[in-house]
Amino acid sequence: IKQNIYLLERALACTERHTNGEKDKTVIFYDYNGYAMKNSPPPLFVKELLSDFRDHWPERLRHVFIVDSPFFFRAFWAIVKHFIDPITKELVQFITGEEQKKILREIVSEDQAAPYMFDGGKDGEETDIKAFLYETPFDHVYGEHLS
């Protein structure tokens, strides 16, 4: 959960800087394409993460898209969603295939999208995690040219 919170804080800082404070919400994608059970988070991870968003970042989350999730994720969600704040629950959406590409095109610019996200995605650069964590300013997008 710490990694998700760190990335959320960075995404919010980037959004606020790029929009001069006009926008202050973020969109989160969890892409499970190629997912394997051995990579499975603990079952209550999603509930705890969404509770953290509700308690510590109210109104900062625009959407959470869960892409190509295994069937049992949807089954788990069908149970867990009853224990999550109704407003937060409405932000979570399971998507697949062409639906994903359509939604992504509406909210992610071509220059920030990787080619696998949709046709025309131009950000095909492999992420150097060390450069991202230690060299990229907190409120900058990875690969953004500093001026």
N, C-alpha and C. Protein backbone atom coordinates (compact mmCIF):
# COMPACT_ATOMS: atom_id res chain seq x y z
N ILE A 1 0.83 -1.19 0.00
CA ILE A 1 0.00 0.00 0.00
C ILE A 1 0.87 1.24 0.00
N LYS A 2 2.02 1.21 0.64
CA LYS A 2 2.89 2.38 0.69
C LYS A 2 3.28 2.86 -0.71
N GLN A 3 3.57 1.92 -1.61
CA GLN A 3 3.95 2.28 -2.97
C GLN A 3 2.79 2.97 -3.69
N ASN A 4 1.57 2.47 -3.50
CA ASN A 4 0.41 3.08 -4.13
C ASN A 4 0.19 4.50 -3.62
N ILE A 5 0.36 4.70 -2.33
CA ILE A 5 0.18 6.02 -1.75
C ILE A 5 1.26 6.98 -2.25
N TYR A 6 2.49 6.50 -2.33
CA TYR A 6 3.58 7.34 -2.84
C TYR A 6 3.29 7.77 -4.28
N LEU A 7 2.87 6.83 -5.12
CA LEU A 7 2.57 7.15 -6.52
C LEU A 7 1.36 8.08 -6.62
N LEU A 8 0.38 7.89 -5.75
CA LEU A 8 -0.77 8.80 -5.73
C LEU A 8 -0.33 10.22 -5.40
N GLU A 9 0.51 10.37 -4.40
CA GLU A 9 0.99 11.70 -4.02
C GLU A 9 1.77 12.35 -5.17
N ARG A 10 2.59 11.57 -5.85
CA ARG A 10 3.33 12.10 -7.00
C ARG A 10 2.39 12.50 -8.13
N ALA A 11 1.41 11.66 -8.40
CA ALA A 11 0.45 11.96 -9.47
C ALA A 11 -0.32 13.24 -9.16
N LEU A 12 -0.72 13.40 -7.92
CA LEU A 12 -1.44 14.61 -7.53
C LEU A 12 -0.55 15.84 -7.66
N ALA A 13 0.70 15.73 -7.24
CA ALA A 13 1.64 16.86 -7.34
C ALA A 13 1.86 17.23 -8.81
N CYS A 14 2.02 16.23 -9.68
CA CYS A 14 2.20 16.50 -11.12
C CYS A 14 0.96 17.16 -11.72
N THR A 15 -0.20 16.63 -11.38
CA THR A 15 -1.45 17.18 -11.90
C THR A 15 -1.61 18.64 -11.49
N GLU A 16 -1.39 18.91 -10.23
CA GLU A 16 -1.55 20.28 -9.74
C GLU A 16 -0.54 21.22 -10.39
N ARG A 17 0.69 20.76 -10.58
CA ARG A 17 1.71 21.61 -11.21
C ARG A 17 1.37 21.86 -12.68
N HIS A 18 0.98 20.81 -13.40
CA HIS A 18 0.69 20.93 -14.83
C HIS A 18 -0.56 21.75 -15.12
N THR A 19 -1.49 21.82 -14.16
CA THR A 19 -2.73 22.56 -14.40
C THR A 19 -2.79 23.85 -13.57
N ASN A 20 -1.65 24.24 -13.00
CA ASN A 20 -1.60 25.43 -12.14
C ASN A 20 -2.67 25.39 -11.06
N GLY A 21 -2.89 24.20 -10.50
CA GLY A 21 -3.83 24.03 -9.40
C GLY A 21 -5.29 23.93 -9.80
N GLU A 22 -5.58 23.97 -11.10
CA GLU A 22 -6.98 23.90 -11.55
C GLU A 22 -7.57 22.50 -11.39
N LYS A 23 -6.72 21.48 -11.50
CA LYS A 23 -7.20 20.10 -11.34
C LYS A 23 -6.45 19.49 -10.16
N ASP A 24 -7.19 18.70 -9.38
CA ASP A 24 -6.57 18.11 -8.19
C ASP A 24 -7.05 16.68 -7.95
N LYS A 25 -7.41 16.00 -9.04
CA LYS A 25 -7.86 14.61 -8.93
C LYS A 25 -6.96 13.73 -9.79
N THR A 26 -6.95 12.45 -9.47
CA THR A 26 -6.12 11.52 -10.22
C THR A 26 -6.95 10.31 -10.65
N VAL A 27 -6.46 9.65 -11.69
CA VAL A 27 -7.07 8.42 -12.20
C VAL A 27 -6.05 7.31 -11.99
N ILE A 28 -6.50 6.18 -11.47
CA ILE A 28 -5.61 5.05 -11.21
C ILE A 28 -6.04 3.88 -12.08
N PHE A 29 -5.05 3.25 -12.73
CA PHE A 29 -5.27 2.04 -13.52
C PHE A 29 -4.49 0.91 -12.89
N TYR A 30 -5.17 -0.18 -12.60
CA TYR A 30 -4.50 -1.41 -12.20
C TYR A 30 -4.69 -2.37 -13.36
N ASP A 31 -3.61 -2.63 -14.09
CA ASP A 31 -3.67 -3.48 -15.27
C ASP A 31 -3.23 -4.89 -14.88
N TYR A 32 -4.15 -5.84 -14.97
CA TYR A 32 -3.87 -7.22 -14.60
C TYR A 32 -3.64 -8.11 -15.81
N ASN A 33 -3.35 -7.53 -16.97
CA ASN A 33 -3.03 -8.31 -18.15
C ASN A 33 -1.79 -9.14 -17.84
N GLY A 34 -1.88 -10.43 -18.00
CA GLY A 34 -0.76 -11.32 -17.72
C GLY A 34 -0.62 -11.66 -16.24
N TYR A 35 -1.63 -11.37 -15.46
CA TYR A 35 -1.61 -11.61 -14.02
C TYR A 35 -1.47 -13.10 -13.71
N ALA A 36 -0.76 -13.40 -12.64
CA ALA A 36 -0.62 -14.78 -12.15
C ALA A 36 -0.91 -14.79 -10.65
N MET A 37 -1.48 -15.86 -10.16
CA MET A 37 -1.84 -15.98 -8.74
C MET A 37 -0.65 -15.72 -7.82
N LYS A 38 0.54 -16.07 -8.25
CA LYS A 38 1.71 -15.89 -7.38
C LYS A 38 1.97 -14.41 -7.09
N ASN A 39 1.42 -13.51 -7.90
CA ASN A 39 1.58 -12.07 -7.70
C ASN A 39 0.43 -11.46 -6.90
N SER A 40 -0.44 -12.30 -6.39
CA SER A 40 -1.67 -11.83 -5.76
C SER A 40 -1.42 -11.07 -4.45
N PRO A 41 -2.03 -9.88 -4.33
CA PRO A 41 -1.95 -9.15 -3.06
C PRO A 41 -2.88 -9.82 -2.04
N PRO A 42 -2.69 -9.51 -0.76
CA PRO A 42 -3.61 -10.06 0.25
C PRO A 42 -5.05 -9.66 -0.10
N PRO A 43 -6.02 -10.50 0.23
CA PRO A 43 -7.42 -10.27 -0.17
C PRO A 43 -8.01 -8.93 0.26
N LEU A 44 -7.60 -8.39 1.38
CA LEU A 44 -8.19 -7.13 1.84
C LEU A 44 -7.46 -5.89 1.34
N PHE A 45 -6.50 -6.09 0.45
CA PHE A 45 -5.70 -4.98 -0.08
C PHE A 45 -6.58 -3.88 -0.69
N VAL A 46 -7.48 -4.27 -1.57
CA VAL A 46 -8.32 -3.29 -2.28
C VAL A 46 -9.18 -2.52 -1.28
N LYS A 47 -9.79 -3.23 -0.35
CA LYS A 47 -10.63 -2.57 0.65
C LYS A 47 -9.81 -1.59 1.48
N GLU A 48 -8.64 -1.99 1.93
CA GLU A 48 -7.79 -1.11 2.74
C GLU A 48 -7.32 0.10 1.94
N LEU A 49 -6.94 -0.12 0.70
CA LEU A 49 -6.47 0.97 -0.15
C LEU A 49 -7.59 1.98 -0.40
N LEU A 50 -8.78 1.50 -0.73
CA LEU A 50 -9.91 2.41 -0.97
C LEU A 50 -10.31 3.13 0.31
N SER A 51 -10.21 2.46 1.44
CA SER A 51 -10.49 3.12 2.72
C SER A 51 -9.48 4.23 2.99
N ASP A 52 -8.21 3.98 2.66
CA ASP A 52 -7.18 5.02 2.82
C ASP A 52 -7.50 6.22 1.93
N PHE A 53 -7.91 5.97 0.69
CA PHE A 53 -8.27 7.07 -0.20
C PHE A 53 -9.42 7.88 0.40
N ARG A 54 -10.42 7.19 0.89
CA ARG A 54 -11.58 7.86 1.47
C ARG A 54 -11.19 8.69 2.70
N ASP A 55 -10.37 8.12 3.57
CA ASP A 55 -10.04 8.77 4.84
C ASP A 55 -8.99 9.87 4.71
N HIS A 56 -8.04 9.72 3.79
CA HIS A 56 -6.92 10.65 3.74
C HIS A 56 -6.87 11.52 2.48
N TRP A 57 -7.57 11.12 1.44
CA TRP A 57 -7.59 11.89 0.19
C TRP A 57 -9.01 12.03 -0.32
N PRO A 58 -9.92 12.56 0.50
CA PRO A 58 -11.30 12.67 0.03
C PRO A 58 -11.37 13.59 -1.18
N GLU A 59 -12.18 13.20 -2.12
CA GLU A 59 -12.41 14.00 -3.32
C GLU A 59 -11.17 14.16 -4.20
N ARG A 60 -10.13 13.37 -4.01
CA ARG A 60 -8.92 13.49 -4.84
C ARG A 60 -8.85 12.40 -5.91
N LEU A 61 -9.74 11.45 -5.83
CA LEU A 61 -9.75 10.33 -6.75
C LEU A 61 -10.86 10.52 -7.78
N ARG A 62 -10.49 10.54 -9.05
CA ARG A 62 -11.50 10.70 -10.11
C ARG A 62 -12.06 9.34 -10.52
N HIS A 63 -11.18 8.36 -10.72
CA HIS A 63 -11.58 7.00 -11.10
C HIS A 63 -10.50 6.00 -10.70
N VAL A 64 -10.94 4.76 -10.48
CA VAL A 64 -10.02 3.63 -10.37
C VAL A 64 -10.50 2.62 -11.40
N PHE A 65 -9.65 2.34 -12.38
CA PHE A 65 -9.98 1.36 -13.41
C PHE A 65 -9.19 0.09 -13.14
N ILE A 66 -9.88 -1.03 -13.10
CA ILE A 66 -9.23 -2.32 -12.92
C ILE A 66 -9.36 -3.04 -14.26
N VAL A 67 -8.21 -3.20 -14.91
CA VAL A 67 -8.18 -3.66 -16.29
C VAL A 67 -7.82 -5.14 -16.38
N ASP A 68 -8.62 -5.87 -17.17
CA ASP A 68 -8.37 -7.30 -17.42
C ASP A 68 -8.15 -8.11 -16.15
N SER A 69 -8.99 -7.89 -15.17
CA SER A 69 -8.85 -8.61 -13.91
C SER A 69 -9.36 -10.04 -14.03
N PRO A 70 -8.78 -10.94 -13.26
CA PRO A 70 -9.29 -12.32 -13.24
C PRO A 70 -10.71 -12.33 -12.67
N PHE A 71 -11.46 -13.36 -12.98
CA PHE A 71 -12.85 -13.47 -12.54
C PHE A 71 -12.97 -13.34 -11.02
N PHE A 72 -12.07 -13.98 -10.28
CA PHE A 72 -12.22 -13.97 -8.83
C PHE A 72 -12.07 -12.56 -8.24
N PHE A 73 -11.43 -11.62 -8.95
CA PHE A 73 -11.37 -10.23 -8.49
C PHE A 73 -12.77 -9.63 -8.49
N ARG A 74 -13.49 -9.89 -9.57
CA ARG A 74 -14.86 -9.37 -9.66
C ARG A 74 -15.74 -10.01 -8.59
N ALA A 75 -15.54 -11.28 -8.35
CA ALA A 75 -16.32 -11.97 -7.30
C ALA A 75 -15.98 -11.38 -5.94
N PHE A 76 -14.71 -11.15 -5.67
CA PHE A 76 -14.28 -10.55 -4.42
C PHE A 76 -14.87 -9.14 -4.29
N TRP A 77 -14.83 -8.37 -5.37
CA TRP A 77 -15.38 -7.02 -5.37
C TRP A 77 -16.88 -7.04 -5.06
N ALA A 78 -17.60 -8.02 -5.60
CA ALA A 78 -19.03 -8.12 -5.36
C ALA A 78 -19.34 -8.22 -3.87
N ILE A 79 -18.43 -8.78 -3.10
CA ILE A 79 -18.60 -8.90 -1.65
C ILE A 79 -18.09 -7.65 -0.94
N VAL A 80 -16.88 -7.23 -1.26
CA VAL A 80 -16.21 -6.13 -0.56
C VAL A 80 -16.90 -4.79 -0.78
N LYS A 81 -17.47 -4.56 -1.95
CA LYS A 81 -18.02 -3.24 -2.27
C LYS A 81 -19.12 -2.80 -1.31
N HIS A 82 -19.75 -3.74 -0.63
CA HIS A 82 -20.81 -3.41 0.31
C HIS A 82 -20.27 -2.77 1.59
N PHE A 83 -18.97 -2.87 1.80
CA PHE A 83 -18.35 -2.32 3.00
C PHE A 83 -17.55 -1.05 2.71
N ILE A 84 -17.68 -0.52 1.51
CA ILE A 84 -16.93 0.66 1.08
C ILE A 84 -17.89 1.83 0.92
N ASP A 85 -17.41 3.00 1.22
CA ASP A 85 -18.19 4.21 1.09
C ASP A 85 -18.84 4.27 -0.30
N PRO A 86 -20.14 4.58 -0.39
CA PRO A 86 -20.84 4.59 -1.68
C PRO A 86 -20.20 5.50 -2.73
N ILE A 87 -19.69 6.65 -2.33
CA ILE A 87 -19.07 7.55 -3.30
C ILE A 87 -17.79 6.93 -3.86
N THR A 88 -16.97 6.35 -2.98
CA THR A 88 -15.74 5.69 -3.42
C THR A 88 -16.07 4.49 -4.31
N LYS A 89 -17.08 3.74 -3.93
CA LYS A 89 -17.48 2.56 -4.70
C LYS A 89 -17.83 2.91 -6.14
N GLU A 90 -18.47 4.05 -6.35
CA GLU A 90 -18.86 4.48 -7.69
C GLU A 90 -17.65 4.80 -8.58
N LEU A 91 -16.51 5.07 -7.98
CA LEU A 91 -15.32 5.43 -8.74
C LEU A 91 -14.60 4.21 -9.32
N VAL A 92 -14.89 3.02 -8.79
CA VAL A 92 -14.20 1.79 -9.21
C VAL A 92 -14.95 1.17 -10.38
N GLN A 93 -14.21 0.88 -11.45
CA GLN A 93 -14.81 0.33 -12.65
C GLN A 93 -13.92 -0.77 -13.21
N PHE A 94 -14.50 -1.94 -13.47
CA PHE A 94 -13.79 -3.04 -14.11
C PHE A 94 -13.96 -2.89 -15.61
N ILE A 95 -12.85 -2.91 -16.35
CA ILE A 95 -12.91 -2.76 -17.80
C ILE A 95 -12.00 -3.78 -18.48
N THR A 96 -12.30 -4.03 -19.76
CA THR A 96 -11.48 -4.96 -20.55
C THR A 96 -11.42 -4.50 -22.00
N GLY A 97 -10.49 -5.07 -22.73
CA GLY A 97 -10.38 -4.93 -24.18
C GLY A 97 -10.59 -3.56 -24.77
N GLU A 98 -11.47 -3.48 -25.78
CA GLU A 98 -11.72 -2.24 -26.50
C GLU A 98 -12.32 -1.16 -25.59
N GLU A 99 -13.07 -1.58 -24.60
CA GLU A 99 -13.64 -0.63 -23.64
C GLU A 99 -12.51 0.15 -22.95
N GLN A 100 -11.46 -0.58 -22.58
CA GLN A 100 -10.30 0.05 -21.94
C GLN A 100 -9.70 1.09 -22.87
N LYS A 101 -9.50 0.74 -24.11
CA LYS A 101 -8.84 1.64 -25.05
C LYS A 101 -9.67 2.90 -25.28
N LYS A 102 -10.97 2.75 -25.33
CA LYS A 102 -11.84 3.91 -25.51
C LYS A 102 -11.74 4.85 -24.30
N ILE A 103 -11.82 4.29 -23.12
CA ILE A 103 -11.73 5.10 -21.90
C ILE A 103 -10.36 5.75 -21.79
N LEU A 104 -9.32 4.99 -22.06
CA LEU A 104 -7.96 5.54 -21.98
C LEU A 104 -7.78 6.71 -22.93
N ARG A 105 -8.29 6.61 -24.14
CA ARG A 105 -8.17 7.69 -25.12
C ARG A 105 -8.81 8.98 -24.63
N GLU A 106 -9.88 8.84 -23.85
CA GLU A 106 -10.59 10.02 -23.34
C GLU A 106 -9.84 10.72 -22.22
N ILE A 107 -8.99 10.00 -21.48
CA ILE A 107 -8.37 10.63 -20.31
C ILE A 107 -6.85 10.65 -20.30
N VAL A 108 -6.22 9.95 -21.24
CA VAL A 108 -4.76 9.92 -21.29
C VAL A 108 -4.32 10.43 -22.67
N SER A 109 -3.41 11.40 -22.69
CA SER A 109 -2.94 11.92 -23.98
C SER A 109 -2.01 10.91 -24.64
N GLU A 110 -1.94 10.95 -25.98
CA GLU A 110 -1.11 10.02 -26.74
C GLU A 110 0.35 10.07 -26.31
N ASP A 111 0.85 11.26 -25.98
CA ASP A 111 2.26 11.37 -25.62
C ASP A 111 2.56 10.79 -24.23
N GLN A 112 1.53 10.56 -23.41
CA GLN A 112 1.74 9.94 -22.09
C GLN A 112 1.34 8.47 -22.07
N ALA A 113 0.74 7.98 -23.14
CA ALA A 113 0.27 6.60 -23.20
C ALA A 113 1.33 5.69 -23.81
N ALA A 114 1.51 4.54 -23.21
CA ALA A 114 2.39 3.53 -23.78
C ALA A 114 1.68 2.89 -24.97
N PRO A 115 2.42 2.37 -25.94
CA PRO A 115 1.79 1.78 -27.13
C PRO A 115 0.81 0.64 -26.82
N TYR A 116 1.03 -0.12 -25.74
CA TYR A 116 0.11 -1.21 -25.43
C TYR A 116 -1.23 -0.69 -24.88
N MET A 117 -1.28 0.57 -24.44
CA MET A 117 -2.51 1.10 -23.88
C MET A 117 -3.57 1.33 -24.96
N PHE A 118 -3.13 1.86 -26.10
CA PHE A 118 -4.00 2.02 -27.26
C PHE A 118 -3.15 2.41 -28.46
N ASP A 119 -3.68 2.15 -29.68
CA ASP A 119 -2.96 2.51 -30.90
C ASP A 119 -2.66 4.00 -30.89
N GLY A 120 -1.44 4.36 -31.17
CA GLY A 120 -1.05 5.76 -31.18
C GLY A 120 -0.34 6.19 -29.92
N GLY A 121 -0.30 5.31 -28.90
CA GLY A 121 0.42 5.65 -27.68
C GLY A 121 1.90 5.84 -27.99
N LYS A 122 2.48 6.95 -27.56
CA LYS A 122 3.84 7.29 -27.97
C LYS A 122 4.90 7.13 -26.89
N ASP A 123 4.50 6.83 -25.66
CA ASP A 123 5.48 6.72 -24.59
C ASP A 123 5.92 5.26 -24.45
N GLY A 124 6.83 4.86 -25.30
CA GLY A 124 7.29 3.48 -25.30
C GLY A 124 8.59 3.27 -24.54
N GLU A 125 9.06 4.33 -23.91
CA GLU A 125 10.33 4.25 -23.19
C GLU A 125 10.21 3.38 -21.95
N GLU A 126 11.16 2.50 -21.76
CA GLU A 126 11.22 1.66 -20.56
C GLU A 126 11.53 2.57 -19.37
N THR A 127 10.83 2.38 -18.28
CA THR A 127 11.04 3.21 -17.10
C THR A 127 12.27 2.75 -16.33
N ASP A 128 13.15 3.69 -16.07
CA ASP A 128 14.30 3.45 -15.21
C ASP A 128 13.85 3.82 -13.80
N ILE A 129 13.53 2.82 -12.99
CA ILE A 129 12.92 3.08 -11.68
C ILE A 129 13.84 3.90 -10.78
N LYS A 130 15.15 3.70 -10.89
CA LYS A 130 16.08 4.49 -10.08
C LYS A 130 16.02 5.97 -10.48
N ALA A 131 15.97 6.24 -11.77
CA ALA A 131 15.86 7.63 -12.24
C ALA A 131 14.52 8.22 -11.81
N PHE A 132 13.46 7.44 -11.88
CA PHE A 132 12.14 7.92 -11.47
C PHE A 132 12.13 8.28 -9.99
N LEU A 133 12.67 7.40 -9.16
CA LEU A 133 12.60 7.62 -7.71
C LEU A 133 13.59 8.67 -7.20
N TYR A 134 14.79 8.72 -7.79
CA TYR A 134 15.84 9.55 -7.20
C TYR A 134 16.23 10.77 -8.02
N GLU A 135 15.91 10.79 -9.30
CA GLU A 135 16.36 11.90 -10.14
C GLU A 135 15.22 12.77 -10.67
N THR A 136 14.02 12.23 -10.73
CA THR A 136 12.88 12.99 -11.24
C THR A 136 12.26 13.78 -10.09
N PRO A 137 12.13 15.11 -10.24
CA PRO A 137 11.49 15.89 -9.18
C PRO A 137 10.11 15.33 -8.87
N PHE A 138 9.72 15.43 -7.61
CA PHE A 138 8.47 14.84 -7.12
C PHE A 138 7.25 15.26 -7.92
N ASP A 139 7.21 16.50 -8.38
CA ASP A 139 6.04 16.99 -9.09
C ASP A 139 6.20 17.00 -10.61
N HIS A 140 7.10 16.14 -11.11
CA HIS A 140 7.33 16.02 -12.56
C HIS A 140 7.00 14.60 -13.01
N VAL A 141 6.59 14.51 -14.27
CA VAL A 141 6.33 13.23 -14.90
C VAL A 141 7.66 12.61 -15.29
N TYR A 142 7.78 11.30 -15.15
CA TYR A 142 8.99 10.60 -15.56
C TYR A 142 9.27 10.91 -17.03
N GLY A 143 10.48 11.29 -17.35
CA GLY A 143 10.86 11.58 -18.72
C GLY A 143 10.59 13.01 -19.14
N GLU A 144 9.96 13.77 -18.28
CA GLU A 144 9.68 15.17 -18.59
C GLU A 144 11.00 15.95 -18.62
N HIS A 145 11.17 16.75 -19.64
CA HIS A 145 12.40 17.54 -19.75
C HIS A 145 12.34 18.71 -18.78
N LEU A 146 13.37 18.84 -17.99
CA LEU A 146 13.43 19.94 -17.01
C LEU A 146 13.95 21.19 -17.70
N SER A 147 13.31 22.30 -17.39
CA SER A 147 13.76 23.56 -17.99
C SER A 147 14.22 24.53 -16.92
